[in-house]
Every structure is written in structure tokens, then in C-alpha cells.
Amino acid sequence: MLSQIKDLAAKLAPRLIEIRRHLHSHPELSGQEYQTAAYVAGVLSSCGLQVKEGIGKVGVVGELQGDGRDARLLAIRTDMDALPIQERTELEFASRQSGLMHACGHDVHTTVGLGAAMVLSQLGELLPGTVRFLFQPAEEVAQGAGWMVQDGVMEAVAGILSVHVFPTIPAGVVGIRYGALTAAADDLAITITGESGHGARPHEAVDAIWIAAQVVTTLQQAISRTQNPLRPVVLTIGQINGGRAPNVIADQVTLLGTVRSLHPETSAALPAWIEQMVAGICQLYGARYTINYRHGVPSVQNDFVLTQLLESAARESWGSNGVQIIQEPSLGAEDFSVYLQHAPGSMFRLGVGFKDRHNYPLHHPLFAVDETAIVTGVVTIAYAAYKYWPSTPIIVAVQRINPALSQPYSLRPIP
């Protein structure tokens, strides 16, 4: 069956690159993926899948029915949104939307999801169970997964797989990570309120800027002495607002930041820890404070069994040199974790790095991918899906490509 899947993917490769380049040229921001969703729905419909649009606001769900021998339903999730970044790659298929770019590889993710649907649709009668393809909006703002779940996409799902590109892994290599893959990402807002006064007489005022500086410094220093170093925490204050004039002591300062952690119990304990630090400093210097701590998406914790499934599918497909075991998690965030609150799942890293040129990081205006990685991703996730049901029989007959899958699709008008 692996040879059949690889053969189908190889034949579809030109079409897959065409799809990816079309998506790359037409990026859309989070929650506004109307044309992308319409395009995705058109491709899925041509494959014979049952398609629902408008799921999770702008998301698309395609369902491929197996023969019913196994009641377990496997979901495959990919995301569709782009970033507010001006592209500078000068590619002939570069973004046509000023100020918007697929700088995180979601155009590749969507293409891999569509490619897996195109391949597996040719094997539908050989699948014992159902595959549900989730094309999600608004991952970059960590809201789309929640929207999709609210609309019931995880009902009856027994397992879920996903993919994210990685430029530091070369194309043709699949990155596998057991356990924590990404961090929980929480939002933090602290307001320090003091008493205004003349800059020449600070003893008559309560300097909110100086106290805010103590808060920032203390939080950074206290992490290394009060938090378990084997359970990392990163707290970044990225924005400070306060003050009205250079000779006036500020009476209010707002600190905005992000807090990252890998372990759920650490994330749960952080709001109280931060408040303890802030309260102590404000009490010492006579200031008042308010804290708004918002838990965002949790950490992605890859399920051991499904990660084994991905690793075995990748090793069988590409050999040992085509698999890289990732030793350390990332402190970036991914709302794939929201699905994992409803079913076990695993996300793999798809290497898209060029072997002979510099690779720019994600979210960079010069970010580019080696498009040969698309077939690697399609085969890996399609074969993992096939292997998900252990009772699946091995059939060696090679089916022909559905001619409809090689036809171009036009953008539908925005509803």
C-alpha cells in the first residue's frame, strides 16, 4: 500500500505545487479566509468527499467514508490563515495582497491536507474507518481551533493528526517529537497605579514608571530562583505604556506581555505567583495594581501511540535518514492543543529547508520553502492515516489517478 500511496502522490505532485502557489499568491488574514475556504471546498468536492463550509466561522470540513468495518474516526487538521507581513521573496507566485504573506507555511499545510484527501479518496473502499479533514481558520490568533470545536468537529473523533513546516529541518525529512511539542501561551496585563507629581520632587509622588521597572526586573529574576528550572517558564513584557510628560512623574503604567510554559500544572500556578510578586513590590512602595491574566492555548502534548504511528509511517516511507527525532520542545504556541482536549493526537514537523541556500525563519518576509517537501508531507500523513486501522488489509493493486484531480480550480466569489 505504501508504494501505491507514493505513486499517487508523485503523480499529483505538479497539481499540488500548483495548489500551493495559488494559495501562496492569495493569502488571507485570520478569520477572513473566505476565498481560501471556497477553493479548499472545491478541491475536496472534486474528490468525492462530503463537504461542509462555514464551520468554525470560515473553516471547511471534508469527510471520507471508509467501508464501516471500524467505527473509529480519524481527523486530519491543517490551517489556512496568513500573516500581516509584507512579502519580500520576489517569487513569481509571491503574495498579490499588499501587507499579507503566508510566512508561516499554512499554504503548505493546506496543500498537504488537500493532497492527503486526494490520495486517500482513491483508497476509500480500502479504509475500514472514516477520515475527517479539518481546514481551520485563525490559527495565528489562536482562536480558530476553538471555533471549530464549538461547531462539533471533534464529535466521534478517536484520534487526530496534524503537521507544521519547519525551515531548520531539510526537505525530505520528517521531525518527530514525543511528549510536549509546543508551549502554553498566556496573555498578561499589569496596571501599576501610583500618584502623579513634579519630576523635581519624586518623594512627594508614587512613581508608577519606576515601580513598573521593579516589577519587570523582579519577575525576570524571580523565575530563575522560584520556578523549577526543569519546567521552563518564559515571561516577556513586550509593551509598556505610561507617562504624559518628561517632567511629570507618571501615575499609571500598563505592562503587556506573554507567558510561556510546557507543563499544565506550571501554567495553572503562574497567575498566583505573578500576583504575589507584583503585590509585594506595590505594597512596599505604596502603589496599587490590577492584573489580568488570560490563559490562552495549552501546550501541545503529543500522544505516544499516535506519535509512534507517525514515526513508523515516516520511517517506512523515507528510511531512517528521513526521520529526525526532535529532542527539545518549542516555546512557540499552537492551537492544535485545543483539539487534544477532546481526543489524543500528534503533530509532526515537516522539513521544508533548502539544502543549498540560507533558510529564513518562520514569520520572516523572506521565508520560503522547498516545495519537494509537499509530497513528503502528503505521503507521511496519508500513510499514517492508512495505518491507523490495524485491520486494514494490504492491497497491492495500483489505482489510476482520478482525472478530475488534475484539473485547475477557480476562486469562487467572496460570499
Protein backbone atom coordinates (compact mmCIF):
# COMPACT_ATOMS: atom_id res chain seq x y z
CA MET A 1 0.00 0.00 0.00
CA LEU A 2 2.87 2.39 0.70
CA SER A 3 4.10 2.10 -2.88
CA GLN A 4 0.59 2.85 -4.11
CA ILE A 5 0.32 5.95 -1.93
CA LYS A 6 3.75 7.18 -3.03
CA ASP A 7 2.88 6.57 -6.66
CA LEU A 8 -0.37 8.53 -6.35
CA ALA A 9 1.37 11.40 -4.58
CA ALA A 10 4.16 11.53 -7.17
CA LYS A 11 1.64 11.75 -10.00
CA LEU A 12 -0.21 14.52 -8.18
CA ALA A 13 2.96 16.48 -7.38
CA PRO A 14 2.60 19.07 -10.21
CA ARG A 15 -1.01 19.72 -9.21
CA LEU A 16 -0.03 20.01 -5.53
CA ILE A 17 2.62 22.61 -6.34
CA GLU A 18 0.04 24.49 -8.41
CA ILE A 19 -2.35 24.46 -5.43
CA ARG A 20 0.32 25.66 -3.04
CA ARG A 21 1.40 28.50 -5.30
CA HIS A 22 -2.18 29.60 -5.80
CA LEU A 23 -2.75 29.68 -2.04
CA HIS A 24 0.54 31.48 -1.51
CA SER A 25 -0.42 34.17 -4.01
CA HIS A 26 -3.80 34.75 -2.32
CA PRO A 27 -3.16 34.99 1.43
CA GLU A 28 -5.96 35.95 3.81
CA LEU A 29 -5.84 37.06 7.42
CA SER A 30 -7.18 35.07 10.36
CA GLY A 31 -10.96 34.84 10.28
CA GLN A 32 -11.12 36.22 6.74
CA GLU A 33 -10.17 33.09 4.76
CA TYR A 34 -13.27 33.24 2.54
CA GLN A 35 -11.65 32.64 -0.85
CA THR A 36 -9.20 30.09 0.59
CA ALA A 37 -12.09 28.15 2.12
CA ALA A 38 -14.08 28.23 -1.12
CA TYR A 39 -11.05 26.97 -3.03
CA VAL A 40 -10.46 24.18 -0.49
CA ALA A 41 -14.12 23.15 -0.63
CA GLY A 42 -13.94 22.93 -4.41
CA VAL A 43 -10.94 20.60 -4.34
CA LEU A 44 -12.50 18.39 -1.66
CA SER A 45 -15.79 18.17 -3.54
CA SER A 46 -13.97 17.06 -6.69
CA CYS A 47 -12.52 14.18 -4.68
CA GLY A 48 -15.99 12.94 -3.77
CA LEU A 49 -15.78 13.92 -0.10
CA GLN A 50 -18.77 15.12 1.89
CA VAL A 51 -18.01 18.83 2.36
CA LYS A 52 -19.34 21.35 4.86
CA GLU A 53 -18.42 25.02 4.65
CA GLY A 54 -18.77 27.77 7.23
CA ILE A 55 -17.63 25.53 10.07
CA GLY A 56 -15.72 27.42 12.75
CA LYS A 57 -16.88 30.65 11.05
CA VAL A 58 -14.75 30.24 7.90
CA GLY A 59 -13.47 26.67 8.19
CA VAL A 60 -14.11 23.67 5.95
CA VAL A 61 -14.69 20.03 6.84
CA GLY A 62 -14.39 17.18 4.37
CA GLU A 63 -15.33 13.64 5.32
CA LEU A 64 -14.12 10.50 3.56
CA GLN A 65 -16.18 7.45 4.43
CA GLY A 66 -14.49 4.08 4.81
CA ASP A 67 -16.24 0.76 4.46
CA GLY A 68 -17.54 0.82 8.02
CA ARG A 69 -15.53 -2.10 9.40
CA ASP A 70 -14.07 0.13 12.12
CA ALA A 71 -16.14 2.74 13.97
CA ARG A 72 -13.11 4.85 14.92
CA LEU A 73 -12.91 8.19 13.17
CA LEU A 74 -9.53 9.78 12.44
CA ALA A 75 -9.23 13.54 11.93
CA ILE A 76 -6.51 15.35 9.99
CA ARG A 77 -6.20 19.07 10.76
CA THR A 78 -4.46 21.76 8.72
CA ASP A 79 -4.70 25.57 8.99
CA MET A 80 -5.28 28.19 6.31
CA ASP A 81 -4.54 31.73 7.55
CA ALA A 82 -1.69 34.08 6.64
CA LEU A 83 0.13 36.87 8.47
CA PRO A 84 0.17 40.70 8.22
CA ILE A 85 3.69 40.70 6.75
CA GLN A 86 4.88 42.32 3.51
CA GLU A 87 6.49 39.58 1.42
CA ARG A 88 9.99 40.28 0.04
CA THR A 89 10.82 36.97 -1.66
CA GLU A 90 10.27 38.28 -5.22
CA LEU A 91 8.96 34.85 -6.23
CA GLU A 92 6.82 34.84 -9.37
CA PHE A 93 3.98 33.49 -7.25
CA ALA A 94 4.58 35.90 -4.35
CA SER A 95 1.64 37.36 -2.46
CA ARG A 96 -0.63 39.56 -4.53
CA GLN A 97 -2.07 41.11 -1.37
CA SER A 98 -0.07 44.05 -0.09
CA GLY A 99 0.95 43.56 3.52
CA LEU A 100 -0.15 39.91 3.68
CA MET A 101 2.01 36.79 3.38
CA HIS A 102 1.98 33.07 4.06
CA ALA A 103 5.09 33.43 6.21
CA CYS A 104 4.28 30.51 8.50
CA GLY A 105 3.72 27.85 5.85
CA HIS A 106 -0.03 27.47 6.20
CA ASP A 107 -0.28 27.39 2.41
CA VAL A 108 1.86 24.25 2.57
CA HIS A 109 -0.22 22.82 5.43
CA THR A 110 -3.44 23.30 3.46
CA THR A 111 -1.86 21.73 0.38
CA VAL A 112 -0.69 18.72 2.39
CA GLY A 113 -4.20 18.29 3.78
CA LEU A 114 -5.72 18.52 0.31
CA GLY A 115 -3.09 16.16 -1.10
CA ALA A 116 -3.83 13.59 1.61
CA ALA A 117 -7.54 13.87 0.78
CA MET A 118 -6.82 13.44 -2.93
CA VAL A 119 -4.70 10.35 -2.30
CA LEU A 120 -6.93 8.72 0.30
CA SER A 121 -10.04 9.36 -1.79
CA GLN A 122 -8.54 6.89 -4.29
CA LEU A 123 -8.31 4.30 -1.49
CA GLY A 124 -11.68 4.98 0.11
CA GLU A 125 -13.04 1.45 -0.14
CA LEU A 126 -9.83 0.12 1.40
CA LEU A 127 -10.19 2.22 4.57
CA PRO A 128 -12.02 0.49 7.43
CA GLY A 129 -12.93 3.81 9.10
CA THR A 130 -13.73 7.41 8.32
CA VAL A 131 -11.22 10.24 7.84
CA ARG A 132 -12.38 13.76 8.68
CA PHE A 133 -10.30 16.58 7.17
CA LEU A 134 -10.38 19.83 9.13
CA PHE A 135 -9.26 23.00 7.36
CA GLN A 136 -9.08 25.56 10.13
CA PRO A 137 -9.06 29.36 10.05
CA ALA A 138 -7.41 31.75 12.51
CA GLU A 139 -4.57 29.66 13.93
CA GLU A 140 -2.28 32.68 14.07
CA VAL A 141 -4.57 34.38 16.57
CA ALA A 142 -5.17 31.10 18.45
CA GLN A 143 -8.94 31.21 18.00
CA GLY A 144 -9.77 29.00 15.04
CA ALA A 145 -9.46 25.66 16.80
CA GLY A 146 -11.90 26.78 19.47
CA TRP A 147 -14.36 27.91 16.80
CA MET A 148 -14.09 24.56 15.03
CA VAL A 149 -14.57 22.58 18.24
CA GLN A 150 -17.61 24.67 19.17
CA ASP A 151 -19.14 23.67 15.84
CA GLY A 152 -18.73 19.98 16.67
CA VAL A 153 -15.81 18.89 14.50
CA MET A 154 -14.43 16.65 17.26
CA GLU A 155 -17.63 14.67 17.75
CA ALA A 156 -16.85 10.94 17.47
CA VAL A 157 -13.16 11.63 16.72
CA ALA A 158 -10.91 8.91 18.17
CA GLY A 159 -7.58 10.43 17.09
CA ILE A 160 -6.23 13.46 15.27
CA LEU A 161 -3.05 14.18 13.29
CA SER A 162 -1.51 17.45 12.13
CA VAL A 163 1.59 18.95 10.55
CA HIS A 164 3.67 22.12 10.78
CA VAL A 165 6.53 23.11 8.49
CA PHE A 166 9.99 23.71 9.95
CA PRO A 167 12.73 25.51 7.96
CA THR A 168 15.61 24.21 10.09
CA ILE A 169 14.77 20.64 9.05
CA PRO A 170 15.72 19.91 5.43
CA ALA A 171 13.08 19.00 2.89
CA GLY A 172 12.59 15.25 2.66
CA VAL A 173 12.95 14.83 6.44
CA VAL A 174 10.12 14.43 8.94
CA GLY A 175 10.55 15.70 12.50
CA ILE A 176 9.00 13.56 15.24
CA ARG A 177 8.57 14.75 18.81
CA TYR A 178 7.32 12.62 21.71
CA GLY A 179 5.54 14.44 24.54
CA ALA A 180 5.46 18.24 24.71
CA LEU A 181 5.86 19.82 21.27
CA THR A 182 4.85 23.44 21.95
CA ALA A 183 4.17 25.61 24.97
CA ALA A 184 1.09 27.02 26.60
CA ALA A 185 0.79 30.69 25.68
CA ASP A 186 -0.92 33.01 28.15
CA ASP A 187 -1.56 36.76 27.96
CA LEU A 188 -0.59 39.09 30.80
CA ALA A 189 -1.65 42.68 31.52
CA ILE A 190 -0.47 44.52 34.65
CA THR A 191 -1.50 48.05 35.53
CA ILE A 192 0.52 49.88 38.19
CA THR A 193 -1.19 52.93 39.71
CA GLY A 194 0.78 55.46 41.75
CA GLU A 195 0.49 59.19 42.47
CA SER A 196 1.50 61.86 39.98
CA GLY A 197 3.88 64.66 40.93
CA HIS A 198 6.61 67.01 39.79
CA GLY A 199 9.71 65.36 38.38
CA ALA A 200 11.89 67.52 40.66
CA ARG A 201 10.16 66.26 43.84
CA PRO A 202 9.85 62.45 43.49
CA HIS A 203 9.49 61.96 47.25
CA GLU A 204 6.09 63.64 47.06
CA ALA A 205 4.77 61.16 44.45
CA VAL A 206 4.49 57.44 43.84
CA ASP A 207 6.40 56.82 40.60
CA ALA A 208 4.49 54.23 38.58
CA ILE A 209 7.23 54.00 35.94
CA TRP A 210 9.95 53.22 38.48
CA ILE A 211 7.71 50.69 40.26
CA ALA A 212 6.82 49.09 36.92
CA ALA A 213 10.55 48.75 36.21
CA GLN A 214 10.93 46.96 39.56
CA VAL A 215 8.08 44.64 38.61
CA VAL A 216 9.64 43.75 35.24
CA THR A 217 13.08 43.17 36.76
CA THR A 218 11.79 41.16 39.72
CA LEU A 219 9.61 38.89 37.59
CA GLN A 220 12.55 38.08 35.31
CA GLN A 221 14.95 37.44 38.19
CA ALA A 222 12.47 35.51 40.33
CA ILE A 223 11.81 32.94 37.62
CA SER A 224 15.34 31.58 37.96
CA ARG A 225 15.07 31.25 41.76
CA THR A 226 11.44 30.32 42.41
CA GLN A 227 10.45 28.21 39.39
CA ASN A 228 11.64 24.67 38.75
CA PRO A 229 14.44 25.01 36.13
CA LEU A 230 13.42 21.62 34.69
CA ARG A 231 9.98 23.05 33.94
CA PRO A 232 10.78 26.17 31.93
CA VAL A 233 8.86 29.42 32.09
CA VAL A 234 9.43 32.36 29.75
CA LEU A 235 7.83 35.68 30.67
CA THR A 236 8.23 38.52 28.19
CA ILE A 237 6.94 42.06 28.67
CA GLY A 238 6.61 43.27 25.12
CA GLN A 239 4.80 46.56 25.61
CA ILE A 240 4.96 49.35 28.22
CA ASN A 241 2.61 52.33 28.20
CA GLY A 242 2.71 55.21 30.67
CA GLY A 243 3.57 58.81 31.38
CA ARG A 244 2.45 62.11 29.89
CA ALA A 245 5.46 64.46 30.00
CA PRO A 246 9.20 64.21 30.72
CA ASN A 247 8.99 66.33 33.88
CA VAL A 248 5.84 64.71 35.31
CA ILE A 249 6.02 61.58 37.44
CA ALA A 250 3.66 59.05 35.88
CA ASP A 251 0.72 57.90 37.96
CA GLN A 252 -0.11 54.86 35.82
CA VAL A 253 1.77 52.33 33.70
CA THR A 254 0.44 49.32 31.82
CA LEU A 255 2.63 46.30 31.10
CA LEU A 256 1.56 43.83 28.42
CA GLY A 257 3.29 40.51 27.90
CA THR A 258 3.20 36.81 27.15
CA VAL A 259 3.90 33.87 29.44
CA ARG A 260 5.05 30.52 28.05
CA SER A 261 5.28 27.17 29.86
CA LEU A 262 5.32 23.49 28.95
CA HIS A 263 3.60 21.77 31.87
CA PRO A 264 -0.12 22.24 32.62
CA GLU A 265 0.40 22.42 36.38
CA THR A 266 3.01 25.16 35.91
CA SER A 267 0.65 27.18 33.73
CA ALA A 268 -2.11 26.82 36.33
CA ALA A 269 0.14 28.12 39.14
CA LEU A 270 1.60 31.12 37.31
CA PRO A 271 -1.21 33.69 37.85
CA ALA A 272 -0.98 33.40 41.63
CA TRP A 273 2.84 33.50 41.52
CA ILE A 274 2.87 36.66 39.39
CA GLU A 275 0.34 38.37 41.63
CA GLN A 276 2.41 37.53 44.69
CA MET A 277 5.46 39.22 43.14
CA VAL A 278 3.55 42.30 41.97
CA ALA A 279 1.63 42.71 45.23
CA GLY A 280 4.83 42.62 47.28
CA ILE A 281 6.51 45.34 45.22
CA CYS A 282 3.45 47.60 45.11
CA GLN A 283 2.87 47.27 48.84
CA LEU A 284 6.50 48.16 49.53
CA TYR A 285 6.33 51.39 47.52
CA GLY A 286 2.73 52.43 48.11
CA ALA A 287 1.27 51.67 44.70
CA ARG A 288 -1.88 49.85 43.63
CA TYR A 289 -2.17 47.26 40.88
CA THR A 290 -4.53 45.22 38.76
CA ILE A 291 -3.61 42.03 36.92
CA ASN A 292 -5.46 40.46 34.03
CA TYR A 293 -4.05 37.00 33.34
CA ARG A 294 -5.71 35.18 30.45
CA HIS A 295 -4.95 31.53 29.84
CA GLY A 296 -4.53 31.03 26.10
CA VAL A 297 -3.97 27.79 24.25
CA PRO A 298 -2.43 24.95 26.27
CA SER A 299 0.72 23.06 25.43
CA VAL A 300 0.62 20.55 22.57
CA GLN A 301 1.25 17.18 24.20
CA ASN A 302 1.75 14.55 21.51
CA ASP A 303 0.11 11.22 22.25
CA PHE A 304 2.69 8.43 22.47
CA VAL A 305 0.80 5.86 20.37
CA LEU A 306 -0.11 8.28 17.58
CA THR A 307 3.42 9.68 17.57
CA GLN A 308 4.69 6.13 17.14
CA LEU A 309 2.25 5.79 14.24
CA LEU A 310 3.68 8.89 12.56
CA GLU A 311 7.25 7.79 13.17
CA SER A 312 6.67 4.31 11.74
CA ALA A 313 4.87 5.76 8.70
CA ALA A 314 7.74 8.20 8.10
CA ARG A 315 10.46 5.56 8.56
CA GLU A 316 8.75 3.12 6.20
CA SER A 317 8.24 5.91 3.68
CA TRP A 318 11.62 7.66 3.79
CA GLY A 319 14.04 5.44 5.72
CA SER A 320 15.99 6.30 8.85
CA ASN A 321 17.68 9.28 7.20
CA GLY A 322 14.26 10.74 6.51
CA VAL A 323 13.27 10.89 10.18
CA GLN A 324 14.60 13.26 12.82
CA ILE A 325 13.65 12.76 16.45
CA ILE A 326 13.23 16.24 17.92
CA GLN A 327 14.93 16.37 21.31
CA GLU A 328 13.55 19.66 22.64
CA PRO A 329 10.11 21.25 22.55
CA SER A 330 9.40 24.72 21.23
CA LEU A 331 8.13 27.57 23.39
CA GLY A 332 6.04 28.72 20.48
CA ALA A 333 2.30 28.03 20.69
CA GLU A 334 -0.15 26.10 18.52
CA ASP A 335 -3.91 25.90 18.95
CA PHE A 336 -3.82 22.29 17.75
CA SER A 337 -3.67 21.72 21.51
CA VAL A 338 -7.36 22.65 21.74
CA TYR A 339 -8.30 19.53 19.76
CA LEU A 340 -6.17 17.42 22.10
CA GLN A 341 -8.53 18.28 24.94
CA HIS A 342 -11.10 16.14 23.12
CA ALA A 343 -9.07 13.29 21.61
CA PRO A 344 -5.47 12.04 21.56
CA GLY A 345 -3.37 13.35 18.71
CA SER A 346 0.07 14.13 17.38
CA MET A 347 1.66 16.82 15.22
CA PHE A 348 4.84 16.28 13.21
CA ARG A 349 7.32 18.79 11.84
CA LEU A 350 7.67 18.78 8.06
CA GLY A 351 11.15 19.77 6.93
CA VAL A 352 10.99 22.44 4.22
CA GLY A 353 14.56 23.74 4.40
CA PHE A 354 16.72 24.12 1.30
CA LYS A 355 19.96 22.14 1.38
CA ASP A 356 21.95 24.62 -0.72
CA ARG A 357 20.83 28.06 0.44
CA HIS A 358 20.03 30.11 3.52
CA ASN A 359 16.74 29.31 5.22
CA TYR A 360 14.85 32.18 6.79
CA PRO A 361 12.78 31.54 9.93
CA LEU A 362 9.03 31.39 10.19
CA HIS A 363 7.28 34.79 10.20
CA HIS A 364 10.10 36.36 8.17
CA PRO A 365 9.30 38.36 5.00
CA LEU A 366 11.85 36.24 3.07
CA PHE A 367 10.57 32.89 4.35
CA ALA A 368 10.44 30.31 1.56
CA VAL A 369 10.04 26.54 1.33
CA ASP A 370 11.49 23.73 -0.74
CA GLU A 371 8.33 22.52 -2.47
CA THR A 372 9.59 18.94 -2.76
CA ALA A 373 8.56 18.70 0.90
CA ILE A 374 4.88 18.74 -0.08
CA VAL A 375 4.94 15.16 -1.36
CA THR A 376 6.87 14.14 1.77
CA GLY A 377 4.09 15.57 3.92
CA VAL A 378 1.26 14.09 1.85
CA VAL A 379 2.72 10.59 1.83
CA THR A 380 3.59 10.66 5.54
CA ILE A 381 0.17 11.73 6.75
CA ALA A 382 -1.78 9.68 4.20
CA TYR A 383 0.17 6.52 5.02
CA ALA A 384 -0.17 7.18 8.76
CA ALA A 385 -3.92 7.51 8.25
CA TYR A 386 -4.00 4.22 6.33
CA LYS A 387 -2.01 2.50 9.10
CA TYR A 388 -4.29 3.92 11.82
CA TRP A 389 -6.66 0.96 11.48
CA PRO A 390 -4.55 -2.16 12.12
CA SER A 391 -7.16 -4.38 10.48
CA THR A 392 -6.69 -2.65 7.13
CA PRO A 393 -5.85 -5.32 4.50
CA ILE A 394 -2.78 -4.95 2.33
CA ILE A 395 -3.87 -4.45 -1.28
CA VAL A 396 -1.18 -4.11 -3.90
CA ALA A 397 -3.26 -3.15 -6.92
CA VAL A 398 -2.42 0.36 -8.13
CA GLN A 399 -5.41 2.51 -8.98
CA ARG A 400 -5.39 5.21 -11.60
CA ILE A 401 -5.46 8.89 -10.72
CA ASN A 402 -8.94 10.35 -10.91
CA PRO A 403 -8.66 12.71 -13.91
CA ALA A 404 -10.71 15.32 -12.07
CA LEU A 405 -7.94 15.73 -9.50
CA SER A 406 -5.57 17.19 -12.08
CA GLN A 407 -7.98 19.90 -13.19
CA PRO A 408 -7.49 23.52 -12.06
CA TYR A 409 -9.97 25.18 -9.72
CA SER A 410 -11.03 28.79 -9.83
CA LEU A 411 -11.64 31.03 -6.86
CA ARG A 412 -15.30 31.41 -6.03
CA PRO A 413 -16.55 34.92 -5.22
CA ILE A 414 -16.47 36.01 -1.61
CA PRO A 415 -19.93 35.30 -0.13
